[in-house]
Amino acid sequence: MIASDVGRSEIERVSVKVREKTFYIKQLQTEVELLAGAETDAATKSELAQLAEKIRYSNPMSDEQLADIEDRITAKIAELKSSANKVKIINELNSLLDERNRKCKLLR
């Protein structure tokens, strides 16, 4: 009984840790989907939808070593909300996401 209680505690601890590490990508995806839903220009809306899909299929695990690039991605998302040239920022975000995903592969 003691071993099963210890096992249950460990599973709960790992579950909380995974939830915290995957929250970043889920939050980004939600923000981009909201931006796509509010966009009136069809071409930009399509680009935002593609960006949301790219985020959806990105490595969901965050890491302390990715903090710098994740901060840059977050800043670009904030900039995207008020920018007139959204396509340029979307292209920059695509590059940043590619870089983040490559670094995630190195960390695993």
PDB file of N, CA and C in Angstrom:
ATOM      1  N   MET A   1       0.823  -1.198   0.000  1.00  0.00           N
ATOM      2  CA  MET A   1       0.000   0.000   0.000  1.00  0.00           C
ATOM      3  C   MET A   1       0.866   1.260   0.000  1.00  0.00           C
ATOM      4  N   ILE A   2       1.959   1.205   0.731  1.00  0.00           N
ATOM      5  CA  ILE A   2       2.847   2.360   0.791  1.00  0.00           C
ATOM      6  C   ILE A   2       3.459   2.620  -0.585  1.00  0.00           C
ATOM      7  N   ALA A   3       3.867   1.550  -1.267  1.00  0.00           N
ATOM      8  CA  ALA A   3       4.472   1.696  -2.597  1.00  0.00           C
ATOM      9  C   ALA A   3       3.477   2.283  -3.582  1.00  0.00           C
ATOM     10  N   SER A   4       2.222   1.874  -3.517  1.00  0.00           N
ATOM     11  CA  SER A   4       1.233   2.419  -4.451  1.00  0.00           C
ATOM     12  C   SER A   4       0.956   3.883  -4.146  1.00  0.00           C
ATOM     13  N   ASP A   5       0.988   4.264  -2.864  1.00  0.00           N
ATOM     14  CA  ASP A   5       0.777   5.665  -2.490  1.00  0.00           C
ATOM     15  C   ASP A   5       1.930   6.535  -2.994  1.00  0.00           C
ATOM     16  N   VAL A   6       3.145   6.024  -2.867  1.00  0.00           N
ATOM     17  CA  VAL A   6       4.324   6.746  -3.365  1.00  0.00           C
ATOM     18  C   VAL A   6       4.243   6.868  -4.886  1.00  0.00           C
ATOM     19  N   GLY A   7       3.843   5.795  -5.551  1.00  0.00           N
ATOM     20  CA  GLY A   7       3.701   5.818  -7.011  1.00  0.00           C
ATOM     21  C   GLY A   7       2.669   6.831  -7.461  1.00  0.00           C
ATOM     22  N   ARG A   8       1.542   6.878  -6.773  1.00  0.00           N
ATOM     23  CA  ARG A   8       0.484   7.825  -7.105  1.00  0.00           C
ATOM     24  C   ARG A   8       0.979   9.268  -6.938  1.00  0.00           C
ATOM     25  N   SER A   9       1.704   9.524  -5.852  1.00  0.00           N
ATOM     26  CA  SER A   9       2.250  10.867  -5.610  1.00  0.00           C
ATOM     27  C   SER A   9       3.214  11.276  -6.718  1.00  0.00           C
ATOM     28  N   GLU A  10       4.042  10.342  -7.151  1.00  0.00           N
ATOM     29  CA  GLU A  10       5.010  10.632  -8.223  1.00  0.00           C
ATOM     30  C   GLU A  10       4.288  10.916  -9.539  1.00  0.00           C
ATOM     31  N   ILE A  11       3.274  10.152  -9.847  1.00  0.00           N
ATOM     32  CA  ILE A  11       2.495  10.379 -11.079  1.00  0.00           C
ATOM     33  C   ILE A  11       1.840  11.751 -11.054  1.00  0.00           C
ATOM     34  N   GLU A  12       1.284  12.138  -9.927  1.00  0.00           N
ATOM     35  CA  GLU A  12       0.661  13.457  -9.802  1.00  0.00           C
ATOM     36  C   GLU A  12       1.693  14.568  -9.969  1.00  0.00           C
ATOM     37  N   ARG A  13       2.877  14.374  -9.390  1.00  0.00           N
ATOM     38  CA  ARG A  13       3.938  15.390  -9.487  1.00  0.00           C
ATOM     39  C   ARG A  13       4.379  15.566 -10.935  1.00  0.00           C
ATOM     40  N   VAL A  14       4.587  14.466 -11.640  1.00  0.00           N
ATOM     41  CA  VAL A  14       5.006  14.520 -13.041  1.00  0.00           C
ATOM     42  C   VAL A  14       3.911  15.143 -13.900  1.00  0.00           C
ATOM     43  N   SER A  15       2.667  14.818 -13.614  1.00  0.00           N
ATOM     44  CA  SER A  15       1.547  15.363 -14.377  1.00  0.00           C
ATOM     45  C   SER A  15       1.484  16.885 -14.262  1.00  0.00           C
ATOM     46  N   VAL A  16       1.681  17.405 -13.067  1.00  0.00           N
ATOM     47  CA  VAL A  16       1.680  18.856 -12.854  1.00  0.00           C
ATOM     48  C   VAL A  16       2.846  19.495 -13.607  1.00  0.00           C
ATOM     49  N   LYS A  17       3.998  18.863 -13.565  1.00  0.00           N
ATOM     50  CA  LYS A  17       5.183  19.392 -14.242  1.00  0.00           C
ATOM     51  C   LYS A  17       4.971  19.451 -15.761  1.00  0.00           C
ATOM     52  N   VAL A  18       4.385  18.409 -16.335  1.00  0.00           N
ATOM     53  CA  VAL A  18       4.121  18.372 -17.775  1.00  0.00           C
ATOM     54  C   VAL A  18       3.104  19.440 -18.149  1.00  0.00           C
ATOM     55  N   ARG A  19       2.063  19.594 -17.335  1.00  0.00           N
ATOM     56  CA  ARG A  19       1.044  20.605 -17.604  1.00  0.00           C
ATOM     57  C   ARG A  19       1.654  22.005 -17.643  1.00  0.00           C
ATOM     58  N   GLU A  20       2.558  22.292 -16.711  1.00  0.00           N
ATOM     59  CA  GLU A  20       3.218  23.591 -16.675  1.00  0.00           C
ATOM     60  C   GLU A  20       4.080  23.808 -17.916  1.00  0.00           C
ATOM     61  N   LYS A  21       4.790  22.776 -18.348  1.00  0.00           N
ATOM     62  CA  LYS A  21       5.700  22.910 -19.480  1.00  0.00           C
ATOM     63  C   LYS A  21       4.970  22.994 -20.818  1.00  0.00           C
ATOM     64  N   THR A  22       3.775  22.465 -20.925  1.00  0.00           N
ATOM     65  CA  THR A  22       3.041  22.514 -22.191  1.00  0.00           C
ATOM     66  C   THR A  22       2.112  23.714 -22.280  1.00  0.00           C
ATOM     67  N   PHE A  23       1.924  24.433 -21.196  1.00  0.00           N
ATOM     68  CA  PHE A  23       1.017  25.579 -21.183  1.00  0.00           C
ATOM     69  C   PHE A  23       1.450  26.655 -22.179  1.00  0.00           C
ATOM     70  N   TYR A  24       2.741  26.877 -22.326  1.00  0.00           N
ATOM     71  CA  TYR A  24       3.253  27.939 -23.203  1.00  0.00           C
ATOM     72  C   TYR A  24       2.749  27.772 -24.635  1.00  0.00           C
ATOM     73  N   ILE A  25       2.893  26.602 -25.213  1.00  0.00           N
ATOM     74  CA  ILE A  25       2.478  26.377 -26.600  1.00  0.00           C
ATOM     75  C   ILE A  25       0.966  26.478 -26.730  1.00  0.00           C
ATOM     76  N   LYS A  26       0.231  25.940 -25.786  1.00  0.00           N
ATOM     77  CA  LYS A  26      -1.237  26.026 -25.838  1.00  0.00           C
ATOM     78  C   LYS A  26      -1.699  27.480 -25.785  1.00  0.00           C
ATOM     79  N   GLN A  27      -1.039  28.280 -24.974  1.00  0.00           N
ATOM     80  CA  GLN A  27      -1.378  29.695 -24.872  1.00  0.00           C
ATOM     81  C   GLN A  27      -1.082  30.421 -26.190  1.00  0.00           C
ATOM     82  N   LEU A  28       0.072  30.157 -26.791  1.00  0.00           N
ATOM     83  CA  LEU A  28       0.413  30.777 -28.079  1.00  0.00           C
ATOM     84  C   LEU A  28      -0.609  30.413 -29.147  1.00  0.00           C
ATOM     85  N   GLN A  29      -0.944  29.152 -29.217  1.00  0.00           N
ATOM     86  CA  GLN A  29      -1.896  28.690 -30.229  1.00  0.00           C
ATOM     87  C   GLN A  29      -3.241  29.388 -30.061  1.00  0.00           C
ATOM     88  N   THR A  30      -3.702  29.514 -28.844  1.00  0.00           N
ATOM     89  CA  THR A  30      -4.980  30.181 -28.577  1.00  0.00           C
ATOM     90  C   THR A  30      -4.933  31.640 -29.002  1.00  0.00           C
ATOM     91  N   GLU A  31      -3.850  32.332 -28.690  1.00  0.00           N
ATOM     92  CA  GLU A  31      -3.727  33.746 -29.062  1.00  0.00           C
ATOM     93  C   GLU A  31      -3.747  33.929 -30.574  1.00  0.00           C
ATOM     94  N   VAL A  32      -3.026  33.087 -31.296  1.00  0.00           N
ATOM     95  CA  VAL A  32      -2.973  33.202 -32.756  1.00  0.00           C
ATOM     96  C   VAL A  32      -4.332  32.841 -33.364  1.00  0.00           C
ATOM     97  N   GLU A  33      -4.996  31.846 -32.824  1.00  0.00           N
ATOM     98  CA  GLU A  33      -6.330  31.490 -33.324  1.00  0.00           C
ATOM     99  C   GLU A  33      -7.323  32.627 -33.106  1.00  0.00           C
ATOM    100  N   LEU A  34      -7.222  33.313 -31.976  1.00  0.00           N
ATOM    101  CA  LEU A  34      -8.088  34.473 -31.722  1.00  0.00           C
ATOM    102  C   LEU A  34      -7.796  35.601 -32.705  1.00  0.00           C
ATOM    103  N   LEU A  35      -6.520  35.823 -32.985  1.00  0.00           N
ATOM    104  CA  LEU A  35      -6.146  36.846 -33.968  1.00  0.00           C
ATOM    105  C   LEU A  35      -6.678  36.491 -35.355  1.00  0.00           C
ATOM    106  N   ALA A  36      -6.589  35.222 -35.729  1.00  0.00           N
ATOM    107  CA  ALA A  36      -7.084  34.774 -37.034  1.00  0.00           C
ATOM    108  C   ALA A  36      -8.589  34.961 -37.122  1.00  0.00           C
ATOM    109  N   GLY A  37      -9.285  34.680 -36.047  1.00  0.00           N
ATOM    110  CA  GLY A  37     -10.729  34.837 -36.039  1.00  0.00           C
ATOM    111  C   GLY A  37     -11.174  36.286 -36.171  1.00  0.00           C
ATOM    112  N   ALA A  38     -10.361  37.197 -35.671  1.00  0.00           N
ATOM    113  CA  ALA A  38     -10.710  38.619 -35.720  1.00  0.00           C
ATOM    114  C   ALA A  38     -10.209  39.319 -36.984  1.00  0.00           C
ATOM    115  N   GLU A  39      -9.352  38.658 -37.748  1.00  0.00           N
ATOM    116  CA  GLU A  39      -8.749  39.271 -38.940  1.00  0.00           C
ATOM    117  C   GLU A  39      -9.773  39.387 -40.067  1.00  0.00           C
ATOM    118  N   THR A  40      -9.759  40.544 -40.749  1.00  0.00           N
ATOM    119  CA  THR A  40     -10.692  40.776 -41.856  1.00  0.00           C
ATOM    120  C   THR A  40     -10.069  40.502 -43.219  1.00  0.00           C
ATOM    121  N   ASP A  41      -8.754  40.673 -43.342  1.00  0.00           N
ATOM    122  CA  ASP A  41      -8.082  40.417 -44.610  1.00  0.00           C
ATOM    123  C   ASP A  41      -7.927  38.903 -44.813  1.00  0.00           C
ATOM    124  N   ALA A  42      -8.421  38.396 -45.931  1.00  0.00           N
ATOM    125  CA  ALA A  42      -8.438  36.957 -46.183  1.00  0.00           C
ATOM    126  C   ALA A  42      -7.032  36.352 -46.242  1.00  0.00           C
ATOM    127  N   ALA A  43      -6.101  37.040 -46.896  1.00  0.00           N
ATOM    128  CA  ALA A  43      -4.735  36.516 -47.023  1.00  0.00           C
ATOM    129  C   ALA A  43      -4.051  36.440 -45.657  1.00  0.00           C
ATOM    130  N   THR A  44      -4.196  37.489 -44.876  1.00  0.00           N
ATOM    131  CA  THR A  44      -3.594  37.507 -43.540  1.00  0.00           C
ATOM    132  C   THR A  44      -4.257  36.469 -42.641  1.00  0.00           C
ATOM    133  N   LYS A  45      -5.565  36.331 -42.770  1.00  0.00           N
ATOM    134  CA  LYS A  45      -6.293  35.336 -41.983  1.00  0.00           C
ATOM    135  C   LYS A  45      -5.776  33.926 -42.291  1.00  0.00           C
ATOM    136  N   SER A  46      -5.520  33.650 -43.559  1.00  0.00           N
ATOM    137  CA  SER A  46      -4.977  32.361 -43.972  1.00  0.00           C
ATOM    138  C   SER A  46      -3.581  32.143 -43.391  1.00  0.00           C
ATOM    139  N   GLU A  47      -2.746  33.174 -43.440  1.00  0.00           N
ATOM    140  CA  GLU A  47      -1.394  33.085 -42.878  1.00  0.00           C
ATOM    141  C   GLU A  47      -1.448  32.822 -41.366  1.00  0.00           C
ATOM    142  N   LEU A  48      -2.371  33.496 -40.678  1.00  0.00           N
ATOM    143  CA  LEU A  48      -2.519  33.294 -39.236  1.00  0.00           C
ATOM    144  C   LEU A  48      -2.999  31.874 -38.920  1.00  0.00           C
ATOM    145  N   ALA A  49      -3.903  31.363 -39.743  1.00  0.00           N
ATOM    146  CA  ALA A  49      -4.388  29.991 -39.550  1.00  0.00           C
ATOM    147  C   ALA A  49      -3.251  28.989 -39.740  1.00  0.00           C
ATOM    148  N   GLN A  50      -2.398  29.227 -40.734  1.00  0.00           N
ATOM    149  CA  GLN A  50      -1.249  28.343 -40.955  1.00  0.00           C
ATOM    150  C   GLN A  50      -0.259  28.432 -39.798  1.00  0.00           C
ATOM    151  N   LEU A  51      -0.077  29.641 -39.265  1.00  0.00           N
ATOM    152  CA  LEU A  51       0.809  29.820 -38.112  1.00  0.00           C
ATOM    153  C   LEU A  51       0.250  29.077 -36.897  1.00  0.00           C
ATOM    154  N   ALA A  52      -1.059  29.147 -36.693  1.00  0.00           N
ATOM    155  CA  ALA A  52      -1.678  28.431 -35.573  1.00  0.00           C
ATOM    156  C   ALA A  52      -1.472  26.922 -35.715  1.00  0.00           C
ATOM    157  N   GLU A  53      -1.571  26.415 -36.931  1.00  0.00           N
ATOM    158  CA  GLU A  53      -1.332  24.984 -37.166  1.00  0.00           C
ATOM    159  C   GLU A  53       0.123  24.618 -36.885  1.00  0.00           C
ATOM    160  N   LYS A  54       1.037  25.497 -37.276  1.00  0.00           N
ATOM    161  CA  LYS A  54       2.463  25.239 -37.023  1.00  0.00           C
ATOM    162  C   LYS A  54       2.732  25.196 -35.517  1.00  0.00           C
ATOM    163  N   ILE A  55       2.100  26.102 -34.794  1.00  0.00           N
ATOM    164  CA  ILE A  55       2.255  26.114 -33.342  1.00  0.00           C
ATOM    165  C   ILE A  55       1.650  24.846 -32.753  1.00  0.00           C
ATOM    166  N   ARG A  56       0.502  24.448 -33.273  1.00  0.00           N
ATOM    167  CA  ARG A  56      -0.191  23.256 -32.768  1.00  0.00           C
ATOM    168  C   ARG A  56       0.694  22.014 -32.865  1.00  0.00           C
ATOM    169  N   TYR A  57       1.454  21.908 -33.944  1.00  0.00           N
ATOM    170  CA  TYR A  57       2.290  20.730 -34.149  1.00  0.00           C
ATOM    171  C   TYR A  57       3.733  20.931 -33.698  1.00  0.00           C
ATOM    172  N   SER A  58       4.008  22.047 -33.032  1.00  0.00           N
ATOM    173  CA  SER A  58       5.335  22.278 -32.475  1.00  0.00           C
ATOM    174  C   SER A  58       5.528  21.409 -31.245  1.00  0.00           C
ATOM    175  N   ASN A  59       6.783  21.217 -30.885  1.00  0.00           N
ATOM    176  CA  ASN A  59       7.094  20.464 -29.681  1.00  0.00           C
ATOM    177  C   ASN A  59       6.452  21.173 -28.490  1.00  0.00           C
ATOM    178  N   PRO A  60       5.561  20.503 -27.755  1.00  0.00           N
ATOM    179  CA  PRO A  60       4.829  21.182 -26.689  1.00  0.00           C
ATOM    180  C   PRO A  60       5.634  21.412 -25.410  1.00  0.00           C
ATOM    181  N   MET A  61       6.748  20.728 -25.263  1.00  0.00           N
ATOM    182  CA  MET A  61       7.506  20.844 -24.019  1.00  0.00           C
ATOM    183  C   MET A  61       8.402  22.073 -24.025  1.00  0.00           C
ATOM    184  N   SER A  62       8.299  22.842 -22.969  1.00  0.00           N
ATOM    185  CA  SER A  62       9.139  24.007 -22.798  1.00  0.00           C
ATOM    186  C   SER A  62      10.325  23.619 -21.919  1.00  0.00           C
ATOM    187  N   ASP A  63      11.331  24.463 -21.893  1.00  0.00           N
ATOM    188  CA  ASP A  63      12.516  24.188 -21.096  1.00  0.00           C
ATOM    189  C   ASP A  63      13.127  25.528 -20.704  1.00  0.00           C
ATOM    190  N   GLU A  64      13.834  25.556 -19.593  1.00  0.00           N
ATOM    191  CA  GLU A  64      14.469  26.793 -19.141  1.00  0.00           C
ATOM    192  C   GLU A  64      15.451  27.329 -20.177  1.00  0.00           C
ATOM    193  N   GLN A  65      16.105  26.438 -20.914  1.00  0.00           N
ATOM    194  CA  GLN A  65      17.090  26.857 -21.905  1.00  0.00           C
ATOM    195  C   GLN A  65      16.434  27.488 -23.129  1.00  0.00           C
ATOM    196  N   LEU A  66      15.130  27.353 -23.270  1.00  0.00           N
ATOM    197  CA  LEU A  66      14.404  27.944 -24.389  1.00  0.00           C
ATOM    198  C   LEU A  66      13.773  29.283 -24.021  1.00  0.00           C
ATOM    199  N   ALA A  67      14.014  29.751 -22.810  1.00  0.00           N
ATOM    200  CA  ALA A  67      13.349  30.960 -22.316  1.00  0.00           C
ATOM    201  C   ALA A  67      13.603  32.168 -23.215  1.00  0.00           C
ATOM    202  N   ASP A  68      14.825  32.332 -23.709  1.00  0.00           N
ATOM    203  CA  ASP A  68      15.150  33.494 -24.544  1.00  0.00           C
ATOM    204  C   ASP A  68      14.328  33.507 -25.829  1.00  0.00           C
ATOM    205  N   ILE A  69      14.312  32.405 -26.528  1.00  0.00           N
ATOM    206  CA  ILE A  69      13.577  32.356 -27.797  1.00  0.00           C
ATOM    207  C   ILE A  69      12.064  32.415 -27.550  1.00  0.00           C
ATOM    208  N   GLU A  70      11.595  31.813 -26.463  1.00  0.00           N
ATOM    209  CA  GLU A  70      10.174  31.877 -26.155  1.00  0.00           C
ATOM    210  C   GLU A  70       9.751  33.299 -25.789  1.00  0.00           C
ATOM    211  N   ASP A  71      10.640  34.044 -25.153  1.00  0.00           N
ATOM    212  CA  ASP A  71      10.355  35.451 -24.864  1.00  0.00           C
ATOM    213  C   ASP A  71      10.262  36.262 -26.158  1.00  0.00           C
ATOM    214  N   ARG A  72      11.147  35.970 -27.111  1.00  0.00           N
ATOM    215  CA  ARG A  72      11.096  36.663 -28.403  1.00  0.00           C
ATOM    216  C   ARG A  72       9.813  36.330 -29.155  1.00  0.00           C
ATOM    217  N   ILE A  73       9.387  35.065 -29.096  1.00  0.00           N
ATOM    218  CA  ILE A  73       8.135  34.663 -29.753  1.00  0.00           C
ATOM    219  C   ILE A  73       6.961  35.380 -29.107  1.00  0.00           C
ATOM    220  N   THR A  74       6.936  35.436 -27.791  1.00  0.00           N
ATOM    221  CA  THR A  74       5.859  36.121 -27.074  1.00  0.00           C
ATOM    222  C   THR A  74       5.820  37.599 -27.447  1.00  0.00           C
ATOM    223  N   ALA A  75       6.987  38.233 -27.555  1.00  0.00           N
ATOM    224  CA  ALA A  75       7.047  39.647 -27.936  1.00  0.00           C
ATOM    225  C   ALA A  75       6.516  39.856 -29.358  1.00  0.00           C
ATOM    226  N   LYS A  76       6.854  38.936 -30.266  1.00  0.00           N
ATOM    227  CA  LYS A  76       6.366  39.047 -31.648  1.00  0.00           C
ATOM    228  C   LYS A  76       4.852  38.862 -31.719  1.00  0.00           C
ATOM    229  N   ILE A  77       4.301  37.982 -30.899  1.00  0.00           N
ATOM    230  CA  ILE A  77       2.849  37.797 -30.862  1.00  0.00           C
ATOM    231  C   ILE A  77       2.188  39.085 -30.387  1.00  0.00           C
ATOM    232  N   ALA A  78       2.760  39.718 -29.363  1.00  0.00           N
ATOM    233  CA  ALA A  78       2.223  40.989 -28.869  1.00  0.00           C
ATOM    234  C   ALA A  78       2.320  42.070 -29.942  1.00  0.00           C
ATOM    235  N   GLU A  79       3.428  42.083 -30.671  1.00  0.00           N
ATOM    236  CA  GLU A  79       3.618  43.041 -31.759  1.00  0.00           C
ATOM    237  C   GLU A  79       2.621  42.774 -32.887  1.00  0.00           C
ATOM    238  N   LEU A  80       2.329  41.528 -33.130  1.00  0.00           N
ATOM    239  CA  LEU A  80       1.404  41.127 -34.187  1.00  0.00           C
ATOM    240  C   LEU A  80       0.000  41.680 -33.951  1.00  0.00           C
ATOM    241  N   LYS A  81      -0.378  41.788 -32.697  1.00  0.00           N
ATOM    242  CA  LYS A  81      -1.722  42.252 -32.351  1.00  0.00           C
ATOM    243  C   LYS A  81      -1.986  43.681 -32.816  1.00  0.00           C
ATOM    244  N   SER A  82      -0.942  44.503 -32.875  1.00  0.00           N
ATOM    245  CA  SER A  82      -1.142  45.905 -33.215  1.00  0.00           C
ATOM    246  C   SER A  82      -0.426  46.348 -34.485  1.00  0.00           C
ATOM    247  N   SER A  83       0.138  45.425 -35.224  1.00  0.00           N
ATOM    248  CA  SER A  83       0.933  45.765 -36.400  1.00  0.00           C
ATOM    249  C   SER A  83       0.079  45.950 -37.647  1.00  0.00           C
ATOM    250  N   ALA A  84       0.554  46.823 -38.524  1.00  0.00           N
ATOM    251  CA  ALA A  84      -0.093  47.006 -39.820  1.00  0.00           C
ATOM    252  C   ALA A  84       0.446  45.995 -40.828  1.00  0.00           C
ATOM    253  N   ASN A  85       1.706  45.579 -40.673  1.00  0.00           N
ATOM    254  CA  ASN A  85       2.331  44.613 -41.578  1.00  0.00           C
ATOM    255  C   ASN A  85       2.415  43.248 -40.891  1.00  0.00           C
ATOM    256  N   LYS A  86       1.281  42.587 -40.776  1.00  0.00           N
ATOM    257  CA  LYS A  86       1.208  41.329 -40.046  1.00  0.00           C
ATOM    258  C   LYS A  86       1.922  40.189 -40.765  1.00  0.00           C
ATOM    259  N   VAL A  87       1.945  40.202 -42.080  1.00  0.00           N
ATOM    260  CA  VAL A  87       2.567  39.112 -42.832  1.00  0.00           C
ATOM    261  C   VAL A  87       4.070  39.044 -42.531  1.00  0.00           C
ATOM    262  N   LYS A  88       4.719  40.194 -42.411  1.00  0.00           N
ATOM    263  CA  LYS A  88       6.149  40.228 -42.091  1.00  0.00           C
ATOM    264  C   LYS A  88       6.402  39.596 -40.721  1.00  0.00           C
ATOM    265  N   ILE A  89       5.586  39.932 -39.747  1.00  0.00           N
ATOM    266  CA  ILE A  89       5.754  39.394 -38.394  1.00  0.00           C
ATOM    267  C   ILE A  89       5.437  37.901 -38.370  1.00  0.00           C
ATOM    268  N   ILE A  90       4.448  37.475 -39.146  1.00  0.00           N
ATOM    269  CA  ILE A  90       4.119  36.049 -39.235  1.00  0.00           C
ATOM    270  C   ILE A  90       5.307  35.271 -39.781  1.00  0.00           C
ATOM    271  N   ASN A  91       5.986  35.823 -40.792  1.00  0.00           N
ATOM    272  CA  ASN A  91       7.179  35.169 -41.349  1.00  0.00           C
ATOM    273  C   ASN A  91       8.297  35.076 -40.304  1.00  0.00           C
ATOM    274  N   GLU A  92       8.458  36.141 -39.512  1.00  0.00           N
ATOM    275  CA  GLU A  92       9.460  36.129 -38.448  1.00  0.00           C
ATOM    276  C   GLU A  92       9.098  35.086 -37.389  1.00  0.00           C
ATOM    277  N   LEU A  93       7.816  34.987 -37.074  1.00  0.00           N
ATOM    278  CA  LEU A  93       7.361  33.991 -36.103  1.00  0.00           C
ATOM    279  C   LEU A  93       7.593  32.569 -36.612  1.00  0.00           C
ATOM    280  N   ASN A  94       7.361  32.346 -37.889  1.00  0.00           N
ATOM    281  CA  ASN A  94       7.640  31.031 -38.470  1.00  0.00           C
ATOM    282  C   ASN A  94       9.109  30.659 -38.301  1.00  0.00           C
ATOM    283  N   SER A  95       9.996  31.624 -38.537  1.00  0.00           N
ATOM    284  CA  SER A  95      11.435  31.372 -38.373  1.00  0.00           C
ATOM    285  C   SER A  95      11.787  31.098 -36.918  1.00  0.00           C
ATOM    286  N   LEU A  96      11.207  31.876 -36.005  1.00  0.00           N
ATOM    287  CA  LEU A  96      11.473  31.670 -34.582  1.00  0.00           C
ATOM    288  C   LEU A  96      10.962  30.309 -34.104  1.00  0.00           C
ATOM    289  N   LEU A  97       9.800  29.904 -34.601  1.00  0.00           N
ATOM    290  CA  LEU A  97       9.260  28.598 -34.226  1.00  0.00           C
ATOM    291  C   LEU A  97      10.141  27.463 -34.758  1.00  0.00           C
ATOM    292  N   ASP A  98      10.639  27.626 -35.980  1.00  0.00           N
ATOM    293  CA  ASP A  98      11.568  26.625 -36.530  1.00  0.00           C
ATOM    294  C   ASP A  98      12.814  26.505 -35.653  1.00  0.00           C
ATOM    295  N   GLU A  99      13.348  27.656 -35.261  1.00  0.00           N
ATOM    296  CA  GLU A  99      14.535  27.668 -34.410  1.00  0.00           C
ATOM    297  C   GLU A  99      14.237  27.008 -33.065  1.00  0.00           C
ATOM    298  N   ARG A 100      13.087  27.333 -32.466  1.00  0.00           N
ATOM    299  CA  ARG A 100      12.702  26.737 -31.178  1.00  0.00           C
ATOM    300  C   ARG A 100      12.573  25.224 -31.298  1.00  0.00           C
ATOM    301  N   ASN A 101      11.939  24.763 -32.372  1.00  0.00           N
ATOM    302  CA  ASN A 101      11.745  23.321 -32.546  1.00  0.00           C
ATOM    303  C   ASN A 101      13.074  22.587 -32.733  1.00  0.00           C
ATOM    304  N   ARG A 102      14.005  23.218 -33.464  1.00  0.00           N
ATOM    305  CA  ARG A 102      15.330  22.595 -33.618  1.00  0.00           C
ATOM    306  C   ARG A 102      16.053  22.505 -32.271  1.00  0.00           C
ATOM    307  N   LYS A 103      15.940  23.566 -31.476  1.00  0.00           N
ATOM    308  CA  LYS A 103      16.586  23.551 -30.161  1.00  0.00           C
ATOM    309  C   LYS A 103      15.920  22.544 -29.220  1.00  0.00           C
ATOM    310  N   CYS A 104      14.620  22.372 -29.361  1.00  0.00           N
ATOM    311  CA  CYS A 104      13.918  21.354 -28.553  1.00  0.00           C
ATOM    312  C   CYS A 104      14.456  19.972 -28.866  1.00  0.00           C
ATOM    313  N   LYS A 105      14.711  19.705 -30.126  1.00  0.00           N
ATOM    314  CA  LYS A 105      15.248  18.387 -30.523  1.00  0.00           C
ATOM    315  C   LYS A 105      16.624  18.160 -29.904  1.00  0.00           C
ATOM    316  N   LEU A 106      17.419  19.216 -29.816  1.00  0.00           N
ATOM    317  CA  LEU A 106      18.744  19.094 -29.225  1.00  0.00           C
ATOM    318  C   LEU A 106      18.674  18.797 -27.724  1.00  0.00           C
ATOM    319  N   LEU A 107      17.650  19.316 -27.078  1.00  0.00           N
ATOM    320  CA  LEU A 107      17.519  19.142 -25.625  1.00  0.00           C
ATOM    321  C   LEU A 107      17.009  17.766 -25.241  1.00  0.00           C
ATOM    322  N   ARG A 108      16.410  17.040 -26.159  1.00  0.00           N
ATOM    323  CA  ARG A 108      15.816  15.735 -25.817  1.00  0.00           C
ATOM    324  C   ARG A 108      16.754  14.629 -26.089  1.00  0.00           C
TER     325      ARG A 108
END
